[in-house]
């Protein structure tokens, strides 16, 4: 490497790997080979302090700080058409897991400065990942920083840290050495958090052991936005996903066309990766490199953040 090392970034050498998994959730299928070129990636998720510098420099107002346009949400309760964001609250006891409204609530006044809503603040959490940022906010930060958001393939390759086809970023074990490998939920979600990892919410970036490429928190802490539009599974993206010879392996794939719009969603869905401190084996075993979900671009919550890349 001859170019200067960007501050707080790690070099991801690129290569060919097996993307996806057949062993967990349907959207992770099918397993297929992908090649990505080398790139630099933020060694940690963008922090509150870093995002604050961006806002101070640009005057950026996040999606959560802007009242939704009523025309985009016909029939919505006017009380919900105010600035705010989604906040998690544990339930007092076991509840059915098919109704997320039992633990998620839209909280007026919640945003990146007030992660639990009015009266809360980020004092002492400057080294925690910024939260309550939409895909639009993440993209704006990346452009300001002279960076980009990773594609899903780039993110997954980096998360694996050289451990191809392993279920976790640290290898085969669910809890390496009998201890949590990242900031995830221990106990029965959404009511029993045993705090074996020491954190009820987000944790400072870099607290847990980095992966083989020197990247921290590629499992848990907060979900991370990518640039790709979400598809129901890998085959739906229109790319070659059949187990193939080297001549047919897709290089640097990206999904840059949104799926057919959902009339009930005014914004398209983008892929988020990595899981969060709210992921638990009994509900959301998604703190794995192959795991993926889709959230609409304007979504902001207390468990979604991002990190950036610079392509060589």
Protein backbone atom coordinates (compact mmCIF):
# COMPACT_ATOMS: atom_id res chain seq x y z
CA UNK A 1 0.00 0.00 0.00
CA UNK A 2 1.45 3.34 -1.04
CA UNK A 3 -1.38 5.75 -0.26
CA UNK A 4 -1.75 7.31 3.17
CA UNK A 5 -3.91 5.42 5.62
CA UNK A 6 -7.17 7.33 6.14
CA UNK A 7 -7.78 8.22 9.76
CA UNK A 8 -9.67 5.58 11.77
CA UNK A 9 -10.13 3.36 8.72
CA UNK A 10 -8.99 -0.20 7.98
CA UNK A 11 -7.92 -1.61 4.63
CA UNK A 12 -10.16 -4.40 3.35
CA UNK A 13 -8.11 -6.29 0.76
CA UNK A 14 -10.97 -7.54 -1.39
CA UNK A 15 -11.41 -11.03 -2.77
CA UNK A 16 -13.97 -13.71 -3.52
CA UNK A 17 -16.24 -15.09 -0.81
CA UNK A 18 -19.46 -17.01 -0.26
CA UNK A 19 -22.25 -14.54 0.47
CA UNK A 20 -25.45 -15.47 2.31
CA UNK A 21 -26.51 -18.48 4.34
CA UNK A 22 -28.89 -21.43 3.99
CA UNK A 23 -29.04 -22.08 7.74
CA UNK A 24 -31.03 -19.19 9.20
CA UNK A 25 -33.56 -16.80 7.63
CA UNK A 26 -35.05 -17.05 4.11
CA UNK A 27 -33.88 -13.60 3.00
CA UNK A 28 -30.24 -14.73 3.37
CA UNK A 29 -30.59 -17.31 0.58
CA UNK A 30 -29.18 -18.55 -1.72
CA UNK A 31 -25.50 -18.84 -0.85
CA UNK A 32 -23.46 -17.61 -3.80
CA UNK A 33 -19.96 -16.47 -4.63
CA UNK A 34 -19.17 -12.78 -4.97
CA UNK A 35 -15.98 -10.84 -5.67
CA UNK A 36 -15.31 -7.36 -4.29
CA UNK A 37 -12.40 -5.02 -4.89
CA UNK A 38 -10.35 -3.65 -2.01
CA UNK A 39 -11.56 -0.59 -0.08
CA UNK A 40 -11.06 1.32 3.15
CA UNK A 41 -13.74 1.01 5.84
CA UNK A 42 -14.36 2.94 9.04
CA UNK A 43 -12.86 0.87 11.85
CA UNK A 44 -15.90 1.69 13.95
CA UNK A 45 -19.45 2.94 13.58
CA UNK A 46 -19.84 6.71 13.21
CA UNK A 47 -19.98 8.12 16.72
CA UNK A 48 -22.08 10.81 18.33
CA UNK A 49 -19.01 13.09 18.46
CA UNK A 50 -18.27 12.58 14.76
CA UNK A 51 -21.87 13.18 13.75
CA UNK A 52 -21.97 16.31 15.92
CA UNK A 53 -19.02 17.75 13.98
CA UNK A 54 -20.87 17.07 10.73
CA UNK A 55 -24.01 18.83 11.98
CA UNK A 56 -22.01 21.78 13.30
CA UNK A 57 -20.20 22.16 9.98
CA UNK A 58 -23.22 21.74 7.68
CA UNK A 59 -26.29 22.63 9.74
CA UNK A 60 -27.79 19.29 8.72
CA UNK A 61 -31.23 18.58 10.20
CA UNK A 62 -31.95 14.88 10.55
CA UNK A 63 -35.09 13.17 9.35
CA UNK A 64 -36.20 12.59 12.95
CA UNK A 65 -36.13 16.36 13.55
CA UNK A 66 -38.52 17.10 10.68
CA UNK A 67 -42.29 16.60 10.85
CA UNK A 68 -43.47 14.03 8.26
CA UNK A 69 -45.46 15.30 5.28
CA UNK A 70 -49.12 14.39 5.89
CA UNK A 71 -49.61 13.86 2.14
CA UNK A 72 -47.19 10.92 2.29
CA UNK A 73 -49.04 9.27 5.17
CA UNK A 74 -52.77 9.51 4.37
CA UNK A 75 -54.94 8.52 7.28
CA UNK A 76 -52.12 8.76 9.82
CA UNK A 77 -52.83 9.92 13.35
CA UNK A 78 -51.98 13.67 13.40
CA UNK A 79 -50.34 13.15 16.80
CA UNK A 80 -47.70 11.03 15.06
CA UNK A 81 -46.98 13.55 12.30
CA UNK A 82 -44.46 15.42 14.43
CA UNK A 83 -40.68 15.23 14.70
CA UNK A 84 -39.64 12.06 16.50
CA UNK A 85 -38.25 8.57 16.18
CA UNK A 86 -38.73 4.97 17.32
CA UNK A 87 -37.64 4.07 20.84
CA UNK A 88 -37.42 0.63 22.43
CA UNK A 89 -38.92 -0.06 25.85
CA UNK A 90 -38.59 -3.51 27.43
CA UNK A 91 -41.85 -5.18 28.38
CA UNK A 92 -42.56 -6.04 32.03
CA UNK A 93 -42.76 -9.74 31.23
CA UNK A 94 -43.06 -12.31 28.42
CA UNK A 95 -45.25 -11.25 25.49
CA UNK A 96 -46.11 -12.75 22.09
CA UNK A 97 -43.29 -11.99 19.65
CA UNK A 98 -45.54 -11.30 16.66
CA UNK A 99 -46.43 -7.74 17.69
CA UNK A 100 -43.47 -5.34 17.74
CA UNK A 101 -45.66 -2.48 18.95
CA UNK A 102 -45.43 -4.01 22.42
CA UNK A 103 -41.81 -2.84 22.69
CA UNK A 104 -41.41 -0.20 19.94
CA UNK A 105 -43.10 3.17 20.12
CA UNK A 106 -42.88 6.36 18.10
CA UNK A 107 -41.60 8.97 20.55
CA UNK A 108 -42.06 12.66 19.72
CA UNK A 109 -38.83 14.55 20.31
CA UNK A 110 -36.55 11.52 20.08
CA UNK A 111 -33.56 12.16 17.84
CA UNK A 112 -29.78 11.73 17.75
CA UNK A 113 -29.32 14.30 20.54
CA UNK A 114 -32.18 12.88 22.62
CA UNK A 115 -32.04 9.10 22.08
CA UNK A 116 -34.70 8.22 24.66
CA UNK A 117 -36.85 11.25 23.90
CA UNK A 118 -37.25 14.67 25.55
CA UNK A 119 -35.23 14.93 28.75
CA UNK A 120 -32.56 12.53 27.57
CA UNK A 121 -29.22 13.52 26.08
CA UNK A 122 -25.98 12.05 24.76
CA UNK A 123 -23.76 13.38 27.54
CA UNK A 124 -21.11 10.74 28.24
CA UNK A 125 -22.00 8.89 25.05
CA UNK A 126 -19.74 10.77 22.64
CA UNK A 127 -17.93 7.53 21.78
CA UNK A 128 -21.15 5.58 21.31
CA UNK A 129 -22.51 5.09 17.80
CA UNK A 130 -24.90 7.80 16.68
CA UNK A 131 -28.48 6.55 16.43
CA UNK A 132 -31.83 7.88 15.20
CA UNK A 133 -30.30 8.50 11.78
CA UNK A 134 -32.14 7.68 8.58
CA UNK A 135 -30.56 6.42 5.37
CA UNK A 136 -30.73 10.00 4.09
CA UNK A 137 -28.79 11.23 7.13
CA UNK A 138 -26.15 8.53 6.71
CA UNK A 139 -25.74 9.36 3.03
CA UNK A 140 -25.42 13.09 3.78
CA UNK A 141 -22.70 12.41 6.36
CA UNK A 142 -20.82 10.15 3.94
CA UNK A 143 -20.88 12.81 1.22
CA UNK A 144 -19.63 15.46 3.66
CA UNK A 145 -16.80 13.17 4.77
CA UNK A 146 -15.77 12.38 1.18
CA UNK A 147 -16.81 8.77 1.64
CA UNK A 148 -19.66 6.47 0.66
CA UNK A 149 -21.96 3.89 2.20
CA UNK A 150 -20.89 0.29 1.55
CA UNK A 151 -22.82 -2.03 -0.69
CA UNK A 152 -24.27 -5.08 1.02
CA UNK A 153 -21.59 -7.28 -0.56
CA UNK A 154 -18.78 -4.98 0.59
CA UNK A 155 -20.22 -4.85 4.10
CA UNK A 156 -20.61 -8.63 4.38
CA UNK A 157 -17.14 -9.34 3.01
CA UNK A 158 -15.62 -6.89 5.51
CA UNK A 159 -17.66 -8.25 8.40
CA UNK A 160 -16.36 -11.77 7.84
CA UNK A 161 -12.82 -10.57 8.44
CA UNK A 162 -11.37 -13.37 6.33
CA UNK A 163 -13.48 -16.12 7.95
CA UNK A 164 -15.37 -17.26 4.88
CA UNK A 165 -18.58 -19.28 5.41
CA UNK A 166 -18.46 -18.96 9.18
CA UNK A 167 -21.76 -18.15 10.93
CA UNK A 168 -20.35 -15.40 13.16
CA UNK A 169 -17.75 -12.69 12.65
CA UNK A 170 -15.62 -14.42 15.29
CA UNK A 171 -16.02 -17.95 13.88
CA UNK A 172 -18.24 -20.93 14.64
CA UNK A 173 -19.12 -20.45 18.31
CA UNK A 174 -22.16 -18.48 19.34
CA UNK A 175 -20.31 -17.10 22.36
CA UNK A 176 -16.55 -17.51 21.95
CA UNK A 177 -15.00 -18.71 25.19
CA UNK A 178 -18.45 -18.65 26.79
CA UNK A 179 -18.67 -14.83 26.64
CA UNK A 180 -20.61 -12.48 24.34
CA UNK A 181 -18.55 -11.51 21.31
CA UNK A 182 -20.42 -8.25 20.84
CA UNK A 183 -23.10 -6.01 22.28
CA UNK A 184 -26.18 -8.18 21.79
CA UNK A 185 -29.13 -9.26 23.95
CA UNK A 186 -28.67 -12.03 26.49
CA UNK A 187 -31.84 -13.49 27.97
CA UNK A 188 -35.40 -13.66 26.73
CA UNK A 189 -36.31 -10.76 24.46
CA UNK A 190 -38.02 -8.31 24.99
CA UNK A 191 -38.26 -8.43 28.74
CA UNK A 192 -35.28 -10.23 30.29
CA UNK A 193 -31.92 -8.59 29.58
CA UNK A 194 -29.25 -10.38 31.60
CA UNK A 195 -26.62 -7.75 30.70
CA UNK A 196 -23.85 -10.34 30.46
CA UNK A 197 -22.10 -8.05 27.98
CA UNK A 198 -22.37 -5.14 30.41
CA UNK A 199 -24.71 -2.94 28.35
CA UNK A 200 -28.47 -2.39 28.27
CA UNK A 201 -28.21 -0.07 25.27
CA UNK A 202 -25.41 1.00 22.97
CA UNK A 203 -21.77 0.59 23.96
CA UNK A 204 -18.68 2.67 23.17
CA UNK A 205 -17.26 1.78 19.77
CA UNK A 206 -14.28 -0.53 19.96
CA UNK A 207 -15.23 -1.98 23.33
CA UNK A 208 -15.39 -5.53 21.94
CA UNK A 209 -12.66 -7.39 20.09
CA UNK A 210 -12.22 -6.40 16.45
CA UNK A 211 -12.53 -8.89 13.61
CA UNK A 212 -9.71 -10.10 11.37
CA UNK A 213 -9.66 -6.86 9.38
CA UNK A 214 -9.53 -4.63 12.46
CA UNK A 215 -13.20 -3.66 12.35
CA UNK A 216 -15.13 -3.30 15.59
CA UNK A 217 -18.83 -3.92 16.22
CA UNK A 218 -19.54 -5.77 12.98
CA UNK A 219 -21.86 -7.86 15.18
CA UNK A 220 -24.31 -6.02 17.41
CA UNK A 221 -24.32 -2.56 19.00
CA UNK A 222 -26.31 -0.92 16.16
CA UNK A 223 -27.55 -1.97 12.74
CA UNK A 224 -25.76 -0.29 9.84
CA UNK A 225 -27.18 1.23 6.66
CA UNK A 226 -25.84 0.09 3.28
CA UNK A 227 -26.36 1.60 -0.16
CA UNK A 228 -28.26 -1.39 -1.60
CA UNK A 229 -32.01 -1.52 -2.04
CA UNK A 230 -33.57 -4.43 -0.15
CA UNK A 231 -34.78 -7.56 -1.93
CA UNK A 232 -36.71 -10.48 -0.49
CA UNK A 233 -33.68 -12.72 -1.05
CA UNK A 234 -30.43 -12.63 -3.01
CA UNK A 235 -31.87 -14.20 -6.15
CA UNK A 236 -34.46 -11.45 -6.50
CA UNK A 237 -31.78 -8.87 -7.17
CA UNK A 238 -31.31 -9.98 -10.75
CA UNK A 239 -27.64 -10.89 -10.26
CA UNK A 240 -26.08 -14.28 -10.92
CA UNK A 241 -26.42 -16.15 -7.64
CA UNK A 242 -26.02 -19.73 -8.82
CA UNK A 243 -22.96 -21.60 -7.56
CA UNK A 244 -20.74 -20.77 -10.49
CA UNK A 245 -17.32 -21.08 -12.03
CA UNK A 246 -14.95 -18.16 -11.68
CA UNK A 247 -15.97 -16.81 -15.09
CA UNK A 248 -19.49 -16.13 -13.83
CA UNK A 249 -18.90 -14.84 -10.30
CA UNK A 250 -20.42 -11.33 -10.02
CA UNK A 251 -17.88 -8.60 -9.24
CA UNK A 252 -18.79 -5.69 -6.98
CA UNK A 253 -22.54 -6.36 -7.19
CA UNK A 254 -24.97 -3.73 -6.02
CA UNK A 255 -28.73 -3.43 -6.04
CA UNK A 256 -29.33 0.10 -7.28
CA UNK A 257 -32.91 -0.31 -8.45
CA UNK A 258 -35.73 -0.44 -5.91
CA UNK A 259 -38.25 -3.26 -5.93
CA UNK A 260 -41.83 -2.58 -6.92
CA UNK A 261 -43.10 0.13 -4.56
CA UNK A 262 -45.35 -0.75 -1.66
CA UNK A 263 -48.36 1.59 -1.76
CA UNK A 264 -48.30 1.75 2.04
CA UNK A 265 -44.64 2.86 2.15
CA UNK A 266 -43.73 6.26 0.67
CA UNK A 267 -40.00 5.42 0.71
CA UNK A 268 -38.02 2.46 -0.64
CA UNK A 269 -36.28 -0.04 1.62
CA UNK A 270 -32.50 -0.27 1.98
CA UNK A 271 -30.49 -3.15 3.42
CA UNK A 272 -29.26 -2.88 6.99
CA UNK A 273 -26.63 -5.26 8.32
CA UNK A 274 -24.98 -6.38 11.54
CA UNK A 275 -27.75 -6.63 14.09
CA UNK A 276 -27.87 -4.58 17.28
CA UNK A 277 -27.91 -4.64 21.06
CA UNK A 278 -31.57 -5.71 20.75
CA UNK A 279 -30.87 -8.90 18.78
CA UNK A 280 -31.52 -12.09 20.75
CA UNK A 281 -31.41 -15.77 19.77
CA UNK A 282 -35.07 -16.24 20.74
CA UNK A 283 -36.23 -13.44 18.44
CA UNK A 284 -33.63 -11.97 16.07
CA UNK A 285 -30.44 -13.96 15.59
CA UNK A 286 -29.18 -11.41 13.09
CA UNK A 287 -25.82 -10.38 14.51
CA UNK A 288 -24.20 -12.55 11.84
CA UNK A 289 -22.44 -11.39 8.66
CA UNK A 290 -24.98 -13.02 6.33
CA UNK A 291 -28.02 -11.63 8.16
CA UNK A 292 -29.93 -8.81 6.51
CA UNK A 293 -33.07 -6.75 6.93
CA UNK A 294 -34.75 -3.95 5.02
CA UNK A 295 -35.85 -0.62 6.47
CA UNK A 296 -37.44 2.29 4.68
CA UNK A 297 -35.08 5.13 3.92
CA UNK A 298 -36.72 7.58 6.31
CA UNK A 299 -36.69 5.16 9.25
CA UNK A 300 -34.81 6.20 12.35
CA UNK A 301 -34.57 4.22 15.58
CA UNK A 302 -32.49 3.88 18.72
CA UNK A 303 -30.65 0.88 17.24
CA UNK A 304 -29.66 1.89 13.70
CA UNK A 305 -26.43 3.70 12.82
CA UNK A 306 -23.85 3.39 10.04
CA UNK A 307 -20.22 3.41 8.98
CA UNK A 308 -18.58 4.55 5.74
CA UNK A 309 -16.07 3.35 3.17
CA UNK A 310 -13.62 4.80 0.67
CA UNK A 311 -13.08 2.80 -2.50
CA UNK A 312 -9.51 2.57 -3.77
